[in-house]
Amino acid sequence: MSTTFNQAFPQGEPNDAFAQYFAGQSYLAPLAGGSVPVSNVTFEPRCRNNWHIHHGEDGGGDQILLCTAGSGWYQADGEAPISMTPGSVVRVPAGTKHWHGAKAESWFSHLAFITPGDGVRNEWLEPVDDAHYAALPADAD
């Protein structure tokens, strides 16, 4: 599958360090470090991450996702999936079980921020069930 994808930020390198937590190929481009690191995460079509939870205290651990290119999904446990297209922004409160990834027929990129605080960490959980993912609309939007 071609990795050519027109987007404003670098696609980055294959996200091999976290490959075990993704179905499909993702790419990671760190954009800024410091107390609020920012990364561009790119997902090939059908790629998604496992369910996971960002933990943190004292205001830390919230995740902000800003879609910059393509079309993807965000879903919190027990809630309807949210379609993400360029300009979409989702705030994921710390402690929320969720997943995000590309739609079946589209590449997807988002900038990801985690708010700083005490005890900020990520807990990786089970993969998104194939049947659950397959039931989502495949079109780019």
Protein backbone atom coordinates (compact mmCIF):
# COMPACT_ATOMS: atom_id res chain seq x y z
CA MET A 1 0.00 0.00 0.00
CA SER A 2 1.39 3.41 -0.89
CA THR A 3 2.40 5.63 1.98
CA THR A 4 1.97 8.79 -0.09
CA PHE A 5 -0.55 10.99 1.68
CA ASN A 6 -1.03 14.72 1.19
CA GLN A 7 -0.94 16.46 4.55
CA ALA A 8 0.40 19.63 6.17
CA PHE A 9 2.68 17.92 8.71
CA PRO A 10 5.39 15.29 8.26
CA GLN A 11 4.07 11.73 8.12
CA GLY A 12 6.98 10.47 10.17
CA GLU A 13 8.44 7.02 10.47
CA PRO A 14 6.60 3.73 10.91
CA ASN A 15 5.35 3.64 14.49
CA ASP A 16 7.18 0.37 15.24
CA ALA A 17 7.63 1.05 18.97
CA PHE A 18 3.84 0.93 19.44
CA ALA A 19 2.94 -1.48 16.61
CA GLN A 20 1.63 -4.06 19.08
CA TYR A 21 -1.15 -1.61 20.04
CA PHE A 22 -2.33 -0.96 16.46
CA ALA A 23 -4.24 -2.96 13.85
CA GLY A 24 -2.52 -1.90 10.61
CA GLN A 25 0.33 0.50 9.96
CA SER A 26 0.64 3.84 11.71
CA TYR A 27 3.32 6.51 11.46
CA LEU A 28 4.62 8.90 14.12
CA ALA A 29 6.17 12.34 13.65
CA PRO A 30 7.12 14.09 16.91
CA LEU A 31 6.64 17.83 16.28
CA ALA A 32 7.38 19.45 19.66
CA GLY A 33 8.78 18.20 22.95
CA GLY A 34 8.73 19.74 26.38
CA SER A 35 5.93 19.73 28.92
CA VAL A 36 3.24 19.48 26.21
CA PRO A 37 4.62 17.18 23.51
CA VAL A 38 2.83 17.27 20.16
CA SER A 39 2.95 14.47 17.60
CA ASN A 40 1.42 13.93 14.19
CA VAL A 41 0.01 10.41 14.01
CA THR A 42 -0.92 9.03 10.59
CA PHE A 43 -3.01 5.90 10.05
CA GLU A 44 -3.25 3.98 6.78
CA PRO A 45 -6.80 2.95 5.75
CA ARG A 46 -8.36 0.54 8.29
CA CYS A 47 -5.58 1.17 10.84
CA ARG A 48 -6.72 1.90 14.37
CA ASN A 49 -5.25 1.75 17.82
CA ASN A 50 -6.41 -0.49 20.64
CA TRP A 51 -8.80 0.70 23.28
CA HIS A 52 -6.74 2.68 25.77
CA ILE A 53 -6.95 5.06 28.71
CA HIS A 54 -4.81 8.12 29.43
CA HIS A 55 -4.36 8.57 33.16
CA GLY A 56 -3.24 11.67 35.02
CA GLU A 57 -3.79 13.83 38.07
CA ASP A 58 -3.83 17.58 38.74
CA GLY A 59 -5.29 18.32 35.30
CA GLY A 60 -2.97 15.96 33.44
CA GLY A 61 -3.82 13.14 31.10
CA ASP A 62 -6.50 14.78 28.94
CA GLN A 63 -5.85 14.07 25.27
CA ILE A 64 -6.64 16.53 22.49
CA LEU A 65 -6.96 15.15 18.93
CA LEU A 66 -6.98 17.59 15.99
CA CYS A 67 -7.70 16.00 12.61
CA THR A 68 -5.44 17.53 9.97
CA ALA A 69 -6.01 15.25 6.96
CA GLY A 70 -8.12 12.36 5.74
CA SER A 71 -11.02 10.85 7.62
CA GLY A 72 -11.16 8.77 10.76
CA TRP A 73 -13.06 7.67 13.83
CA TYR A 74 -12.90 8.48 17.53
CA GLN A 75 -14.99 6.48 19.97
CA ALA A 76 -15.31 6.55 23.75
CA ASP A 77 -16.49 3.36 25.42
CA GLY A 78 -20.29 3.19 25.52
CA GLU A 79 -20.72 6.17 23.18
CA ALA A 80 -21.44 6.50 19.46
CA PRO A 81 -18.39 6.86 17.20
CA ILE A 82 -17.51 10.37 16.04
CA SER A 83 -16.44 10.98 12.45
CA MET A 84 -13.30 13.10 12.24
CA THR A 85 -12.38 15.16 9.17
CA PRO A 86 -9.89 18.03 8.80
CA GLY A 87 -10.67 20.65 11.43
CA SER A 88 -12.41 18.23 13.82
CA VAL A 89 -11.25 18.48 17.43
CA VAL A 90 -11.95 15.97 20.19
CA ARG A 91 -11.04 16.37 23.86
CA VAL A 92 -10.68 13.04 25.64
CA PRO A 93 -10.87 13.50 29.42
CA ALA A 94 -8.31 11.59 31.48
CA GLY A 95 -9.67 8.20 32.52
CA THR A 96 -11.81 7.75 29.37
CA LYS A 97 -11.53 4.38 27.61
CA HIS A 98 -11.39 5.12 23.87
CA TRP A 99 -9.85 4.38 20.48
CA HIS A 100 -9.19 6.28 17.26
CA GLY A 101 -8.12 5.41 13.74
CA ALA A 102 -8.68 5.68 10.02
CA LYS A 103 -11.86 4.88 8.17
CA ALA A 104 -11.67 1.80 5.95
CA GLU A 105 -11.23 3.78 2.72
CA SER A 106 -9.21 6.78 3.87
CA TRP A 107 -5.86 7.71 5.34
CA PHE A 108 -6.18 9.73 8.56
CA SER A 109 -3.84 12.08 10.41
CA HIS A 110 -4.27 13.89 13.68
CA LEU A 111 -2.17 15.96 15.99
CA ALA A 112 -2.17 14.52 19.50
CA PHE A 113 -1.53 16.49 22.69
CA ILE A 114 -1.59 15.22 26.29
CA THR A 115 -2.10 17.80 29.05
CA PRO A 116 0.72 17.78 31.60
CA GLY A 117 0.19 16.84 35.22
CA ASP A 118 1.17 14.27 37.80
CA GLY A 119 1.07 10.56 37.05
CA VAL A 120 0.47 10.95 33.32
CA ARG A 121 0.61 7.54 31.68
CA ASN A 122 -1.13 5.45 29.05
CA GLU A 123 -2.84 2.11 29.69
CA TRP A 124 -3.19 -0.04 26.54
CA LEU A 125 -6.16 -2.41 26.47
CA GLU A 126 -7.75 -4.88 24.04
CA PRO A 127 -7.90 -4.38 20.26
CA VAL A 128 -11.04 -2.91 18.71
CA ASP A 129 -13.04 -5.95 17.66
CA ASP A 130 -12.98 -6.52 13.89
CA ALA A 131 -16.76 -6.95 13.76
CA HIS A 132 -17.27 -3.68 15.66
CA TYR A 133 -14.95 -1.83 13.28
CA ALA A 134 -16.47 -3.46 10.16
CA ALA A 135 -19.93 -2.19 11.21
CA LEU A 136 -18.78 1.44 10.90
CA PRO A 137 -19.33 3.25 7.57
CA ALA A 138 -16.27 2.73 5.35
CA ASP A 139 -16.64 5.86 3.22
CA ALA A 140 -14.43 8.90 3.66
CA ASP A 141 -17.44 10.79 5.03
